[in-house]
């Protein structure tokens, strides 16, 4: 049950616009810095780290795309140098 719930939350977060989420990052950072251990503060902490998770996902995805672009699309041609 827990893995399904976490994945459902991930799907919902991934459906949101990255730019809109990044615009909210400072808002949640300010709320976290208030150091009020309330339910609203806890929600702000979770929201902040979800947004950072999206940022990390984007960095990893861009890195993977860049590495795929650098790889040759076909295997290199090998030749026999010494028999």
Protein backbone atom coordinates (compact mmCIF):
# COMPACT_ATOMS: atom_id res chain seq x y z
CA UNK A 1 0.00 0.00 0.00
CA UNK A 2 2.75 2.48 0.86
CA UNK A 3 4.71 2.06 -2.41
CA UNK A 4 1.53 2.57 -4.44
CA UNK A 5 0.68 5.71 -2.49
CA UNK A 6 4.16 7.15 -2.94
CA UNK A 7 4.10 6.39 -6.67
CA UNK A 8 0.66 7.98 -6.98
CA UNK A 9 2.01 11.14 -5.34
CA UNK A 10 5.01 11.06 -7.71
CA UNK A 11 2.69 10.77 -10.72
CA UNK A 12 0.68 13.75 -9.55
CA UNK A 13 3.79 15.86 -8.96
CA UNK A 14 5.22 14.90 -12.37
CA UNK A 15 1.98 16.08 -13.99
CA UNK A 16 2.61 19.61 -12.68
CA UNK A 17 4.52 22.23 -14.65
CA UNK A 18 8.21 22.34 -13.68
CA UNK A 19 8.44 26.12 -14.09
CA UNK A 20 5.45 26.68 -11.80
CA UNK A 21 6.98 24.42 -9.19
CA UNK A 22 10.34 26.17 -9.32
CA UNK A 23 8.59 29.50 -8.84
CA UNK A 24 7.24 28.16 -5.53
CA UNK A 25 10.61 27.00 -4.22
CA UNK A 26 11.47 30.22 -2.38
CA UNK A 27 7.95 30.37 -0.93
CA UNK A 28 8.39 26.99 0.74
CA UNK A 29 11.97 27.77 1.73
CA UNK A 30 10.72 30.87 3.59
CA UNK A 31 8.03 28.84 5.35
CA UNK A 32 10.56 26.22 6.41
CA UNK A 33 12.88 28.84 7.89
CA UNK A 34 10.16 29.91 10.35
CA UNK A 35 10.97 26.83 12.48
CA UNK A 36 7.41 26.25 13.60
CA UNK A 37 6.93 22.52 14.12
CA UNK A 38 3.29 22.68 13.03
CA UNK A 39 1.42 20.62 10.47
CA UNK A 40 1.69 23.50 7.98
CA UNK A 41 5.46 23.62 8.52
CA UNK A 42 5.71 19.85 7.93
CA UNK A 43 3.74 20.20 4.69
CA UNK A 44 6.07 23.01 3.59
CA UNK A 45 9.11 20.79 4.23
CA UNK A 46 7.62 17.96 2.16
CA UNK A 47 6.62 20.36 -0.65
CA UNK A 48 10.09 21.91 -0.69
CA UNK A 49 11.79 18.54 -1.06
CA UNK A 50 9.31 17.37 -3.70
CA UNK A 51 10.21 20.42 -5.76
CA UNK A 52 13.90 19.75 -5.23
CA UNK A 53 13.25 16.18 -6.34
CA UNK A 54 11.85 17.51 -9.61
CA UNK A 55 14.94 19.68 -10.02
CA UNK A 56 17.21 16.68 -9.45
CA UNK A 57 15.18 14.57 -11.87
CA UNK A 58 15.62 17.24 -14.54
CA UNK A 59 19.39 17.39 -14.00
CA UNK A 60 19.73 13.61 -14.20
CA UNK A 61 17.52 13.48 -17.29
CA UNK A 62 19.51 16.22 -19.07
CA UNK A 63 22.76 14.48 -18.21
CA UNK A 64 21.49 11.20 -19.62
CA UNK A 65 20.30 12.90 -22.82
CA UNK A 66 23.70 14.60 -23.23
CA UNK A 67 25.54 11.30 -22.76
CA UNK A 68 23.30 9.62 -25.33
CA UNK A 69 24.05 12.39 -27.83
CA UNK A 70 27.78 11.84 -27.36
CA UNK A 71 27.59 8.10 -27.95
CA UNK A 72 28.09 7.01 -31.54
CA UNK A 73 24.86 5.85 -33.13
CA UNK A 74 26.58 2.83 -34.66
CA UNK A 75 29.42 0.69 -33.39
CA UNK A 76 32.88 1.84 -34.43
CA UNK A 77 34.42 0.12 -37.40
CA UNK A 78 37.21 -2.14 -36.21
CA UNK A 79 40.03 -3.39 -38.35
CA UNK A 80 42.63 -6.05 -37.79
CA UNK A 81 45.97 -4.37 -37.07
CA UNK A 82 48.19 -7.39 -36.54
CA UNK A 83 47.46 -11.02 -37.31
